[in-house]
Amino acid sequence: MLNIEHVIVADWGSTHLRAYLCKVNDTNNLDVIDTAKGLGITKIDKQFEQHLFQLIAPWKDYGQLPIILSGQVGSTVGWKEADYLSCPVLPKKLASSCFEFSCQGHQIFIVPGLSCETADHNSDVMRGEELQIFGLLLNKPQYQQGRHLICLPGTHTKWVLIDNGEVQLFKTAMTGELYDLLTNHSVLIQKQTDNFDLDAFTLGVNQIKNSEVASLSHNIFSVRTKQLFGQINEDNACSYLSGILIGSDVHGAIHANEWDISNFESVLIVGSKKLVQSFATALNIFGYESILLEEADVAIAGYSQLYKSLFSKT
């Protein structure tokens, strides 16, 4: 192992940048000792270098540390384009395919994304979530055997099929981005609030579940009409809209051609606490069990393994 005591890792997506200053412990895993949050790549007018180094400036006393980046920073609209690895793929291939370059004395690695083709012959891609999948399989080795379905909710929700530790394929739903667009740029939401109303959310999920045909565009408009006729109010309209969108996302996964969801004992959900609970609630309404996992824990496990793969002497 090279003599590296600290490393910076960061998930740099479309809307957020989450950076972690990590210490390498005695087992060559990474322990987080500080965190920093910045803007996503769509919000910084391509000032990638400037924004990153402003964010990590408080850590400059640690020296010119290696930096491992994952997420949309490696896309065609990011800082440097990293390859996509075609599925099926084992997570261990990530390290050998990183895009490496130097900037301001730092050795920087951008993690490759994954690509696949779904049953309808559409292509799909992910960037960032592959580290969470990697970490999940390392933290929970029991999921390296057999077939499992992982849900990674977010701006672009991913439903991922794992077979004996190998990523077979995945499907993306633009659930989070649709929510952002509809709450900020439509007539549906007159009052934005972060308050979560479980009854309104459940009403939204059931609106999808009980539709003869789960027409998303039609059901979205019910956010407007239910307010007009007093069935929901402007304080819980966001929660109802969230139920519509997450319910539709879950409905699509249940009826996916790529897997039979009834063959899984439960769906593994990895993400922020609020989101995983919302998806678990929706799955439960549809009659399916889930296991909830915090994204930070599995992501750091993924970065730890990637760090060891990159810096181990072979």
C-alpha atoms as a PDB file:
ATOM      1  CA  MET A   1       0.000   0.000   0.000  1.00  0.00           C
ATOM      2  CA  LEU A   2       1.292   3.432  -0.869  1.00  0.00           C
ATOM      3  CA  ASN A   3       1.978   5.799   2.036  1.00  0.00           C
ATOM      4  CA  ILE A   4      -1.250   7.799   1.825  1.00  0.00           C
ATOM      5  CA  GLU A   5      -2.848   8.941   5.072  1.00  0.00           C
ATOM      6  CA  HIS A   6      -5.771  10.954   3.731  1.00  0.00           C
ATOM      7  CA  VAL A   7      -7.871  11.110   0.585  1.00  0.00           C
ATOM      8  CA  ILE A   8     -10.788  13.203  -0.677  1.00  0.00           C
ATOM      9  CA  VAL A   9     -13.790  11.475  -2.252  1.00  0.00           C
ATOM     10  CA  ALA A  10     -16.820  13.201  -3.724  1.00  0.00           C
ATOM     11  CA  ASP A  11     -20.152  12.429  -5.318  1.00  0.00           C
ATOM     12  CA  TRP A  12     -20.663  15.236  -7.841  1.00  0.00           C
ATOM     13  CA  GLY A  13     -24.072  14.978  -9.430  1.00  0.00           C
ATOM     14  CA  SER A  14     -26.341  17.263 -11.423  1.00  0.00           C
ATOM     15  CA  THR A  15     -27.716  19.174  -8.442  1.00  0.00           C
ATOM     16  CA  HIS A  16     -25.359  18.521  -5.524  1.00  0.00           C
ATOM     17  CA  LEU A  17     -21.684  18.041  -4.677  1.00  0.00           C
ATOM     18  CA  ARG A  18     -20.939  16.052  -1.527  1.00  0.00           C
ATOM     19  CA  ALA A  19     -17.257  15.873  -0.636  1.00  0.00           C
ATOM     20  CA  TYR A  20     -15.671  13.854   2.167  1.00  0.00           C
ATOM     21  CA  LEU A  21     -12.233  14.233   3.719  1.00  0.00           C
ATOM     22  CA  CYS A  22     -11.242  10.726   4.749  1.00  0.00           C
ATOM     23  CA  LYS A  23      -8.483   9.213   6.840  1.00  0.00           C
ATOM     24  CA  VAL A  24      -7.055   5.868   5.835  1.00  0.00           C
ATOM     25  CA  ASN A  25      -7.382   3.572   8.860  1.00  0.00           C
ATOM     26  CA  ASP A  26      -5.322   0.553   9.884  1.00  0.00           C
ATOM     27  CA  THR A  27      -7.373  -1.744   7.645  1.00  0.00           C
ATOM     28  CA  ASN A  28      -6.916   0.597   4.664  1.00  0.00           C
ATOM     29  CA  ASN A  29     -10.583   1.569   4.738  1.00  0.00           C
ATOM     30  CA  LEU A  30     -11.715   5.179   4.744  1.00  0.00           C
ATOM     31  CA  ASP A  31     -13.065   6.959   7.831  1.00  0.00           C
ATOM     32  CA  VAL A  32     -14.827  10.275   7.189  1.00  0.00           C
ATOM     33  CA  ILE A  33     -13.383  13.100   9.292  1.00  0.00           C
ATOM     34  CA  ASP A  34     -15.029  16.086   7.590  1.00  0.00           C
ATOM     35  CA  THR A  35     -17.654  16.840   4.941  1.00  0.00           C
ATOM     36  CA  ALA A  36     -18.477  19.708   2.600  1.00  0.00           C
ATOM     37  CA  LYS A  37     -21.441  20.394   0.331  1.00  0.00           C
ATOM     38  CA  GLY A  38     -21.392  22.327  -2.920  1.00  0.00           C
ATOM     39  CA  LEU A  39     -23.339  22.829  -6.113  1.00  0.00           C
ATOM     40  CA  GLY A  40     -24.007  20.268  -8.811  1.00  0.00           C
ATOM     41  CA  ILE A  41     -22.495  20.464 -12.270  1.00  0.00           C
ATOM     42  CA  THR A  42     -25.591  22.089 -13.821  1.00  0.00           C
ATOM     43  CA  LYS A  43     -25.399  25.025 -11.419  1.00  0.00           C
ATOM     44  CA  ILE A  44     -21.807  26.257 -11.766  1.00  0.00           C
ATOM     45  CA  ASP A  45     -21.517  27.321 -15.420  1.00  0.00           C
ATOM     46  CA  LYS A  46     -18.733  24.799 -16.099  1.00  0.00           C
ATOM     47  CA  GLN A  47     -16.445  26.303 -13.428  1.00  0.00           C
ATOM     48  CA  PHE A  48     -15.508  22.811 -12.252  1.00  0.00           C
ATOM     49  CA  GLU A  49     -11.952  23.407 -11.093  1.00  0.00           C
ATOM     50  CA  GLN A  50     -12.752  26.684  -9.361  1.00  0.00           C
ATOM     51  CA  HIS A  51     -15.792  25.334  -7.535  1.00  0.00           C
ATOM     52  CA  LEU A  52     -14.129  22.132  -6.357  1.00  0.00           C
ATOM     53  CA  PHE A  53     -11.002  23.771  -5.034  1.00  0.00           C
ATOM     54  CA  GLN A  54     -12.940  26.538  -3.291  1.00  0.00           C
ATOM     55  CA  LEU A  55     -14.982  23.853  -1.558  1.00  0.00           C
ATOM     56  CA  ILE A  56     -11.998  21.823  -0.359  1.00  0.00           C
ATOM     57  CA  ALA A  57      -9.826  24.845   0.499  1.00  0.00           C
ATOM     58  CA  PRO A  58     -10.317  24.303   4.281  1.00  0.00           C
ATOM     59  CA  TRP A  59      -8.530  20.964   3.862  1.00  0.00           C
ATOM     60  CA  LYS A  60      -5.423  22.385   2.165  1.00  0.00           C
ATOM     61  CA  ASP A  61      -3.292  21.829   5.287  1.00  0.00           C
ATOM     62  CA  TYR A  62      -3.528  18.094   4.602  1.00  0.00           C
ATOM     63  CA  GLY A  63      -1.526  18.589   1.419  1.00  0.00           C
ATOM     64  CA  GLN A  64      -2.186  17.751  -2.219  1.00  0.00           C
ATOM     65  CA  LEU A  65      -4.382  14.745  -1.569  1.00  0.00           C
ATOM     66  CA  PRO A  66      -5.667  12.252  -4.137  1.00  0.00           C
ATOM     67  CA  ILE A  67      -9.253  13.049  -5.145  1.00  0.00           C
ATOM     68  CA  ILE A  68     -11.770  10.411  -6.291  1.00  0.00           C
ATOM     69  CA  LEU A  69     -14.857  11.805  -8.036  1.00  0.00           C
ATOM     70  CA  SER A  70     -18.012   9.995  -9.084  1.00  0.00           C
ATOM     71  CA  GLY A  71     -21.285  11.094 -10.653  1.00  0.00           C
ATOM     72  CA  GLN A  72     -22.224  13.435 -13.472  1.00  0.00           C
ATOM     73  CA  VAL A  73     -18.851  15.155 -13.233  1.00  0.00           C
ATOM     74  CA  GLY A  74     -17.658  12.385 -15.568  1.00  0.00           C
ATOM     75  CA  SER A  75     -20.458  12.833 -18.121  1.00  0.00           C
ATOM     76  CA  THR A  76     -20.420  14.633 -21.462  1.00  0.00           C
ATOM     77  CA  VAL A  77     -21.567  17.805 -19.669  1.00  0.00           C
ATOM     78  CA  GLY A  78     -19.119  17.330 -16.784  1.00  0.00           C
ATOM     79  CA  TRP A  79     -15.492  18.222 -16.140  1.00  0.00           C
ATOM     80  CA  LYS A  80     -13.799  15.277 -17.854  1.00  0.00           C
ATOM     81  CA  GLU A  81     -15.626  12.492 -19.653  1.00  0.00           C
ATOM     82  CA  ALA A  82     -15.128   9.014 -18.197  1.00  0.00           C
ATOM     83  CA  ASP A  83     -16.152   5.863 -20.050  1.00  0.00           C
ATOM     84  CA  TYR A  84     -19.277   3.807 -19.531  1.00  0.00           C
ATOM     85  CA  LEU A  85     -18.769   0.129 -18.704  1.00  0.00           C
ATOM     86  CA  SER A  86     -21.298  -2.097 -20.441  1.00  0.00           C
ATOM     87  CA  CYS A  87     -23.423  -4.427 -18.326  1.00  0.00           C
ATOM     88  CA  PRO A  88     -23.253  -7.101 -17.176  1.00  0.00           C
ATOM     89  CA  VAL A  89     -20.297  -5.923 -15.119  1.00  0.00           C
ATOM     90  CA  LEU A  90     -18.640  -6.716 -11.808  1.00  0.00           C
ATOM     91  CA  PRO A  91     -18.020  -3.640  -9.631  1.00  0.00           C
ATOM     92  CA  LYS A  92     -14.303  -4.438  -9.301  1.00  0.00           C
ATOM     93  CA  LYS A  93     -13.827  -3.301 -12.917  1.00  0.00           C
ATOM     94  CA  LEU A  94     -14.441   0.318 -11.884  1.00  0.00           C
ATOM     95  CA  ALA A  95     -10.926   1.001 -10.617  1.00  0.00           C
ATOM     96  CA  SER A  96      -9.158  -0.140 -13.785  1.00  0.00           C
ATOM     97  CA  SER A  97     -11.369   2.130 -15.901  1.00  0.00           C
ATOM     98  CA  CYS A  98     -11.118   5.417 -13.982  1.00  0.00           C
ATOM     99  CA  PHE A  99     -10.193   8.566 -15.908  1.00  0.00           C
ATOM    100  CA  GLU A 100      -7.024   9.925 -14.304  1.00  0.00           C
ATOM    101  CA  PHE A 101      -5.534  13.434 -14.556  1.00  0.00           C
ATOM    102  CA  SER A 102      -3.713  16.027 -12.441  1.00  0.00           C
ATOM    103  CA  CYS A 103      -4.933  19.453 -11.370  1.00  0.00           C
ATOM    104  CA  GLN A 104      -3.281  21.943  -9.002  1.00  0.00           C
ATOM    105  CA  GLY A 105      -0.941  19.191  -7.843  1.00  0.00           C
ATOM    106  CA  HIS A 106      -3.736  16.755  -6.984  1.00  0.00           C
ATOM    107  CA  GLN A 107      -4.034  13.328  -8.569  1.00  0.00           C
ATOM    108  CA  ILE A 108      -7.691  13.070  -9.629  1.00  0.00           C
ATOM    109  CA  PHE A 109      -9.667   9.980 -10.586  1.00  0.00           C
ATOM    110  CA  ILE A 110     -13.154  10.082 -12.136  1.00  0.00           C
ATOM    111  CA  VAL A 111     -15.103   6.853 -11.758  1.00  0.00           C
ATOM    112  CA  PRO A 112     -16.653   5.421 -14.946  1.00  0.00           C
ATOM    113  CA  GLY A 113     -20.407   5.047 -15.299  1.00  0.00           C
ATOM    114  CA  LEU A 114     -22.392   1.985 -16.318  1.00  0.00           C
ATOM    115  CA  SER A 115     -24.557   1.404 -19.391  1.00  0.00           C
ATOM    116  CA  CYS A 116     -27.032  -1.289 -20.372  1.00  0.00           C
ATOM    117  CA  GLU A 117     -29.806  -2.158 -22.784  1.00  0.00           C
ATOM    118  CA  THR A 118     -33.291  -2.872 -21.425  1.00  0.00           C
ATOM    119  CA  ALA A 119     -35.894  -5.316 -22.718  1.00  0.00           C
ATOM    120  CA  ASP A 120     -37.470  -2.641 -24.931  1.00  0.00           C
ATOM    121  CA  HIS A 121     -34.069  -2.086 -26.605  1.00  0.00           C
ATOM    122  CA  ASN A 122     -33.573   1.315 -25.003  1.00  0.00           C
ATOM    123  CA  SER A 123     -30.158   2.240 -23.680  1.00  0.00           C
ATOM    124  CA  ASP A 124     -29.769   3.313 -20.066  1.00  0.00           C
ATOM    125  CA  VAL A 125     -26.882   4.855 -18.126  1.00  0.00           C
ATOM    126  CA  MET A 126     -25.864   5.653 -14.562  1.00  0.00           C
ATOM    127  CA  ARG A 127     -23.125   7.691 -12.925  1.00  0.00           C
ATOM    128  CA  GLY A 128     -22.539   7.784  -9.177  1.00  0.00           C
ATOM    129  CA  GLU A 129     -24.904   5.017  -8.151  1.00  0.00           C
ATOM    130  CA  GLU A 130     -22.338   2.371  -9.120  1.00  0.00           C
ATOM    131  CA  LEU A 131     -20.295   3.298  -6.019  1.00  0.00           C
ATOM    132  CA  GLN A 132     -23.337   2.759  -3.802  1.00  0.00           C
ATOM    133  CA  ILE A 133     -23.950  -0.641  -5.394  1.00  0.00           C
ATOM    134  CA  PHE A 134     -20.267  -1.505  -4.920  1.00  0.00           C
ATOM    135  CA  GLY A 135     -20.430  -0.503  -1.244  1.00  0.00           C
ATOM    136  CA  LEU A 136     -23.691  -2.343  -0.640  1.00  0.00           C
ATOM    137  CA  LEU A 137     -22.252  -5.603  -1.940  1.00  0.00           C
ATOM    138  CA  LEU A 138     -19.165  -5.156   0.245  1.00  0.00           C
ATOM    139  CA  ASN A 139     -21.091  -4.182   3.395  1.00  0.00           C
ATOM    140  CA  LYS A 140     -23.710  -6.880   2.891  1.00  0.00           C
ATOM    141  CA  PRO A 141     -21.860  -9.847   1.327  1.00  0.00           C
ATOM    142  CA  GLN A 142     -24.989 -12.007   1.523  1.00  0.00           C
ATOM    143  CA  TYR A 143     -26.255 -10.070  -1.505  1.00  0.00           C
ATOM    144  CA  GLN A 144     -23.297 -11.231  -3.581  1.00  0.00           C
ATOM    145  CA  GLN A 145     -25.176 -14.499  -4.040  1.00  0.00           C
ATOM    146  CA  GLY A 146     -28.469 -14.877  -5.892  1.00  0.00           C
ATOM    147  CA  ARG A 147     -30.653 -12.311  -7.633  1.00  0.00           C
ATOM    148  CA  HIS A 148     -31.621  -9.049  -5.944  1.00  0.00           C
ATOM    149  CA  LEU A 149     -33.403  -5.833  -6.885  1.00  0.00           C
ATOM    150  CA  ILE A 150     -31.931  -2.550  -5.656  1.00  0.00           C
ATOM    151  CA  CYS A 151     -33.752   0.782  -5.748  1.00  0.00           C
ATOM    152  CA  LEU A 152     -31.619   3.942  -5.599  1.00  0.00           C
ATOM    153  CA  PRO A 153     -34.071   6.871  -5.414  1.00  0.00           C
ATOM    154  CA  GLY A 154     -32.998  10.382  -6.329  1.00  0.00           C
ATOM    155  CA  THR A 155     -33.071  12.910  -9.133  1.00  0.00           C
ATOM    156  CA  HIS A 156     -32.948   9.970 -11.526  1.00  0.00           C
ATOM    157  CA  THR A 157     -34.112   6.862  -9.660  1.00  0.00           C
ATOM    158  CA  LYS A 158     -32.360   3.624 -10.568  1.00  0.00           C
ATOM    159  CA  TRP A 159     -33.813   0.125 -10.304  1.00  0.00           C
ATOM    160  CA  VAL A 160     -30.888  -2.317 -10.534  1.00  0.00           C
ATOM    161  CA  LEU A 161     -30.898  -6.078 -11.061  1.00  0.00           C
ATOM    162  CA  ILE A 162     -27.988  -7.886  -9.381  1.00  0.00           C
ATOM    163  CA  ASP A 163     -27.137 -11.508 -10.124  1.00  0.00           C
ATOM    164  CA  ASN A 164     -24.392 -13.163  -8.032  1.00  0.00           C
ATOM    165  CA  GLY A 165     -22.718  -9.817  -7.365  1.00  0.00           C
ATOM    166  CA  GLU A 166     -22.833  -8.705 -10.999  1.00  0.00           C
ATOM    167  CA  VAL A 167     -24.837  -5.727 -12.244  1.00  0.00           C
ATOM    168  CA  GLN A 168     -27.009  -7.227 -14.980  1.00  0.00           C
ATOM    169  CA  LEU A 169     -29.056  -4.185 -16.020  1.00  0.00           C
ATOM    170  CA  PHE A 170     -30.979  -1.244 -14.615  1.00  0.00           C
ATOM    171  CA  LYS A 171     -33.836   1.118 -15.408  1.00  0.00           C
ATOM    172  CA  THR A 172     -33.989   4.860 -14.777  1.00  0.00           C
ATOM    173  CA  ALA A 173     -37.008   6.960 -13.845  1.00  0.00           C
ATOM    174  CA  MET A 174     -36.766  10.769 -13.759  1.00  0.00           C
ATOM    175  CA  THR A 175     -38.855  10.924 -10.585  1.00  0.00           C
ATOM    176  CA  GLY A 176     -36.856  13.494  -8.629  1.00  0.00           C
ATOM    177  CA  GLU A 177     -36.290  15.769 -11.606  1.00  0.00           C
ATOM    178  CA  LEU A 178     -39.993  15.699 -12.506  1.00  0.00           C
ATOM    179  CA  TYR A 179     -40.848  16.639  -8.926  1.00  0.00           C
ATOM    180  CA  ASP A 180     -38.455  19.585  -9.062  1.00  0.00           C
ATOM    181  CA  LEU A 181     -39.795  20.778 -12.418  1.00  0.00           C
ATOM    182  CA  LEU A 182     -43.448  20.456 -11.432  1.00  0.00           C
ATOM    183  CA  THR A 183     -43.072  22.141  -8.061  1.00  0.00           C
ATOM    184  CA  ASN A 184     -41.092  25.061  -9.486  1.00  0.00           C
ATOM    185  CA  HIS A 185     -42.399  25.532 -13.022  1.00  0.00           C
ATOM    186  CA  SER A 186     -46.045  24.481 -13.170  1.00  0.00           C
ATOM    187  CA  VAL A 187     -49.490  25.604 -12.047  1.00  0.00           C
ATOM    188  CA  LEU A 188     -49.798  22.613  -9.725  1.00  0.00           C
ATOM    189  CA  ILE A 189     -47.997  23.929  -6.654  1.00  0.00           C
ATOM    190  CA  GLN A 190     -48.893  27.362  -5.300  1.00  0.00           C
ATOM    191  CA  LYS A 191     -47.120  26.958  -1.961  1.00  0.00           C
ATOM    192  CA  GLN A 192     -43.889  25.031  -1.630  1.00  0.00           C
ATOM    193  CA  THR A 193     -43.222  23.351   1.679  1.00  0.00           C
ATOM    194  CA  ASP A 194     -40.778  20.790   3.047  1.00  0.00           C
ATOM    195  CA  ASN A 195     -43.433  19.422   5.397  1.00  0.00           C
ATOM    196  CA  PHE A 196     -44.299  15.812   4.617  1.00  0.00           C
ATOM    197  CA  ASP A 197     -47.923  14.797   4.987  1.00  0.00           C
ATOM    198  CA  LEU A 198     -48.211  10.992   5.062  1.00  0.00           C
ATOM    199  CA  ASP A 199     -51.958  10.961   4.391  1.00  0.00           C
ATOM    200  CA  ALA A 200     -51.559  13.117   1.266  1.00  0.00           C
ATOM    201  CA  PHE A 201     -48.601  11.036   0.080  1.00  0.00           C
ATOM    202  CA  THR A 202     -50.582   7.827   0.579  1.00  0.00           C
ATOM    203  CA  LEU A 203     -53.521   9.341  -1.306  1.00  0.00           C
ATOM    204  CA  GLY A 204     -51.183  10.043  -4.237  1.00  0.00           C
ATOM    205  CA  VAL A 205     -49.758   6.506  -4.271  1.00  0.00           C
ATOM    206  CA  ASN A 206     -53.238   5.014  -4.136  1.00  0.00           C
ATOM    207  CA  GLN A 207     -54.341   7.304  -6.968  1.00  0.00           C
ATOM    208  CA  ILE A 208     -51.759   5.500  -9.135  1.00  0.00           C
ATOM    209  CA  LYS A 209     -52.439   2.050  -7.691  1.00  0.00           C
ATOM    210  CA  ASN A 210     -56.191   2.269  -8.238  1.00  0.00           C
ATOM    211  CA  SER A 211     -56.091   3.751 -11.733  1.00  0.00           C
ATOM    212  CA  GLU A 212     -57.336   1.313 -14.366  1.00  0.00           C
ATOM    213  CA  VAL A 213     -54.496   2.558 -16.520  1.00  0.00           C
ATOM    214  CA  ALA A 214     -51.763   4.329 -14.563  1.00  0.00           C
ATOM    215  CA  SER A 215     -51.689   7.402 -16.809  1.00  0.00           C
ATOM    216  CA  LEU A 216     -49.021   9.571 -15.228  1.00  0.00           C
ATOM    217  CA  SER A 217     -49.849  12.814 -17.061  1.00  0.00           C
ATOM    218  CA  HIS A 218     -53.563  12.512 -16.218  1.00  0.00           C
ATOM    219  CA  ASN A 219     -52.915  11.696 -12.569  1.00  0.00           C
ATOM    220  CA  ILE A 220     -50.434  14.545 -12.213  1.00  0.00           C
ATOM    221  CA  PHE A 221     -53.214  16.981 -13.126  1.00  0.00           C
ATOM    222  CA  SER A 222     -55.218  15.692 -10.164  1.00  0.00           C
ATOM    223  CA  VAL A 223     -52.789  17.684  -7.981  1.00  0.00           C
ATOM    224  CA  ARG A 224     -54.542  20.752  -9.385  1.00  0.00           C
ATOM    225  CA  THR A 225     -58.126  19.489  -9.367  1.00  0.00           C
ATOM    226  CA  LYS A 226     -58.004  18.021  -5.863  1.00  0.00           C
ATOM    227  CA  GLN A 227     -56.958  21.446  -4.571  1.00  0.00           C
ATOM    228  CA  LEU A 228     -59.734  23.163  -6.529  1.00  0.00           C
ATOM    229  CA  PHE A 229     -62.397  20.936  -4.974  1.00  0.00           C
ATOM    230  CA  GLY A 230     -61.024  20.804  -1.432  1.00  0.00           C
ATOM    231  CA  GLN A 231     -59.736  17.229  -1.369  1.00  0.00           C
ATOM    232  CA  ILE A 232     -56.202  18.401  -0.577  1.00  0.00           C
ATOM    233  CA  ASN A 233     -54.904  21.849   0.321  1.00  0.00           C
ATOM    234  CA  GLU A 234     -51.882  23.848  -0.754  1.00  0.00           C
ATOM    235  CA  ASP A 235     -49.993  22.812   2.395  1.00  0.00           C
ATOM    236  CA  ASN A 236     -49.985  19.120   1.479  1.00  0.00           C
ATOM    237  CA  ALA A 237     -50.099  19.363  -2.327  1.00  0.00           C
ATOM    238  CA  CYS A 238     -46.337  18.686  -2.537  1.00  0.00           C
ATOM    239  CA  SER A 239     -46.761  15.478  -0.539  1.00  0.00           C
ATOM    240  CA  TYR A 240     -49.613  14.369  -2.783  1.00  0.00           C
ATOM    241  CA  LEU A 241     -47.543  15.095  -5.908  1.00  0.00           C
ATOM    242  CA  SER A 242     -44.668  13.115  -4.413  1.00  0.00           C
ATOM    243  CA  GLY A 243     -47.043  10.192  -3.898  1.00  0.00           C
ATOM    244  CA  ILE A 244     -48.173  10.391  -7.533  1.00  0.00           C
ATOM    245  CA  LEU A 245     -44.618  10.395  -8.881  1.00  0.00           C
ATOM    246  CA  ILE A 246     -43.119   7.810  -6.523  1.00  0.00           C
ATOM    247  CA  GLY A 247     -46.223   5.653  -6.905  1.00  0.00           C
ATOM    248  CA  SER A 248     -45.792   5.738 -10.673  1.00  0.00           C
ATOM    249  CA  ASP A 249     -42.088   4.919 -10.328  1.00  0.00           C
ATOM    250  CA  VAL A 250     -42.857   1.912  -8.118  1.00  0.00           C
ATOM    251  CA  HIS A 251     -45.721   0.835 -10.407  1.00  0.00           C
ATOM    252  CA  GLY A 252     -43.287   0.776 -13.338  1.00  0.00           C
ATOM    253  CA  ALA A 253     -40.765  -1.335 -11.414  1.00  0.00           C
ATOM    254  CA  ILE A 254     -43.459  -3.807 -10.389  1.00  0.00           C
ATOM    255  CA  HIS A 255     -44.478  -4.337 -14.009  1.00  0.00           C
ATOM    256  CA  ALA A 256     -40.980  -4.245 -15.535  1.00  0.00           C
ATOM    257  CA  ASN A 257     -40.287  -6.825 -18.241  1.00  0.00           C
ATOM    258  CA  GLU A 258     -36.713  -7.327 -17.047  1.00  0.00           C
ATOM    259  CA  TRP A 259     -37.625  -9.062 -13.768  1.00  0.00           C
ATOM    260  CA  ASP A 260     -40.496 -10.582 -11.809  1.00  0.00           C
ATOM    261  CA  ILE A 261     -40.639  -8.578  -8.587  1.00  0.00           C
ATOM    262  CA  SER A 262     -42.581 -11.345  -6.835  1.00  0.00           C
ATOM    263  CA  ASN A 263     -39.408 -13.489  -6.985  1.00  0.00           C
ATOM    264  CA  PHE A 264     -37.599 -11.149  -4.573  1.00  0.00           C
ATOM    265  CA  GLU A 265     -38.194 -11.456  -0.822  1.00  0.00           C
ATOM    266  CA  SER A 266     -37.691  -7.701  -0.544  1.00  0.00           C
ATOM    267  CA  VAL A 267     -36.389  -4.699  -2.461  1.00  0.00           C
ATOM    268  CA  LEU A 268     -33.162  -3.113  -1.207  1.00  0.00           C
ATOM    269  CA  ILE A 269     -33.558   0.681  -1.060  1.00  0.00           C
ATOM    270  CA  VAL A 270     -30.430   2.844  -0.783  1.00  0.00           C
ATOM    271  CA  GLY A 271     -30.669   6.604  -0.368  1.00  0.00           C
ATOM    272  CA  SER A 272     -31.335   9.490   1.994  1.00  0.00           C
ATOM    273  CA  LYS A 273     -33.549   8.739   4.985  1.00  0.00           C
ATOM    274  CA  LYS A 274     -36.569  10.679   3.735  1.00  0.00           C
ATOM    275  CA  LEU A 275     -36.494   9.227   0.229  1.00  0.00           C
ATOM    276  CA  VAL A 276     -35.957   5.593   1.195  1.00  0.00           C
ATOM    277  CA  GLN A 277     -38.848   5.803   3.645  1.00  0.00           C
ATOM    278  CA  SER A 278     -41.121   7.273   0.966  1.00  0.00           C
ATOM    279  CA  PHE A 279     -40.258   4.516  -1.507  1.00  0.00           C
ATOM    280  CA  ALA A 280     -40.654   1.869   1.208  1.00  0.00           C
ATOM    281  CA  THR A 281     -44.113   3.261   2.029  1.00  0.00           C
ATOM    282  CA  ALA A 282     -45.115   3.164  -1.645  1.00  0.00           C
ATOM    283  CA  LEU A 283     -43.842  -0.392  -2.087  1.00  0.00           C
ATOM    284  CA  ASN A 284     -45.742  -1.439   1.023  1.00  0.00           C
ATOM    285  CA  ILE A 285     -48.962   0.067  -0.356  1.00  0.00           C
ATOM    286  CA  PHE A 286     -48.471  -2.072  -3.459  1.00  0.00           C
ATOM    287  CA  GLY A 287     -47.850  -5.110  -1.226  1.00  0.00           C
ATOM    288  CA  TYR A 288     -44.051  -5.494  -1.350  1.00  0.00           C
ATOM    289  CA  GLU A 289     -41.450  -5.559   1.421  1.00  0.00           C
ATOM    290  CA  SER A 290     -38.229  -3.540   1.461  1.00  0.00           C
ATOM    291  CA  ILE A 291     -34.945  -3.208   3.338  1.00  0.00           C
ATOM    292  CA  LEU A 292     -33.685   0.346   3.916  1.00  0.00           C
ATOM    293  CA  LEU A 293     -30.017   1.371   3.775  1.00  0.00           C
ATOM    294  CA  GLU A 294     -28.352   4.783   4.244  1.00  0.00           C
ATOM    295  CA  GLU A 295     -26.539   5.926   1.102  1.00  0.00           C
ATOM    296  CA  ALA A 296     -23.624   7.561   2.951  1.00  0.00           C
ATOM    297  CA  ASP A 297     -22.633   4.283   4.629  1.00  0.00           C
ATOM    298  CA  VAL A 298     -22.599   2.201   1.464  1.00  0.00           C
ATOM    299  CA  ALA A 299     -21.026   4.977  -0.628  1.00  0.00           C
ATOM    300  CA  ILE A 300     -18.031   5.321   1.698  1.00  0.00           C
ATOM    301  CA  ALA A 301     -17.620   1.519   1.650  1.00  0.00           C
ATOM    302  CA  GLY A 302     -17.565   1.712  -2.143  1.00  0.00           C
ATOM    303  CA  TYR A 303     -14.995   4.509  -2.127  1.00  0.00           C
ATOM    304  CA  SER A 304     -12.888   2.523   0.352  1.00  0.00           C
ATOM    305  CA  GLN A 305     -12.703  -0.471  -1.950  1.00  0.00           C
ATOM    306  CA  LEU A 306     -12.027   1.747  -4.941  1.00  0.00           C
ATOM    307  CA  TYR A 307      -9.241   3.493  -3.020  1.00  0.00           C
ATOM    308  CA  LYS A 308      -7.634   0.155  -2.161  1.00  0.00           C
ATOM    309  CA  SER A 309      -7.888  -1.001  -5.779  1.00  0.00           C
ATOM    310  CA  LEU A 310      -6.330   2.204  -7.083  1.00  0.00           C
ATOM    311  CA  PHE A 311      -3.452   2.459  -4.621  1.00  0.00           C
ATOM    312  CA  SER A 312      -2.600  -1.145  -3.762  1.00  0.00           C
ATOM    313  CA  LYS A 313       0.669  -2.449  -5.113  1.00  0.00           C
ATOM    314  CA  THR A 314       0.006  -5.397  -7.369  1.00  0.00           C
END
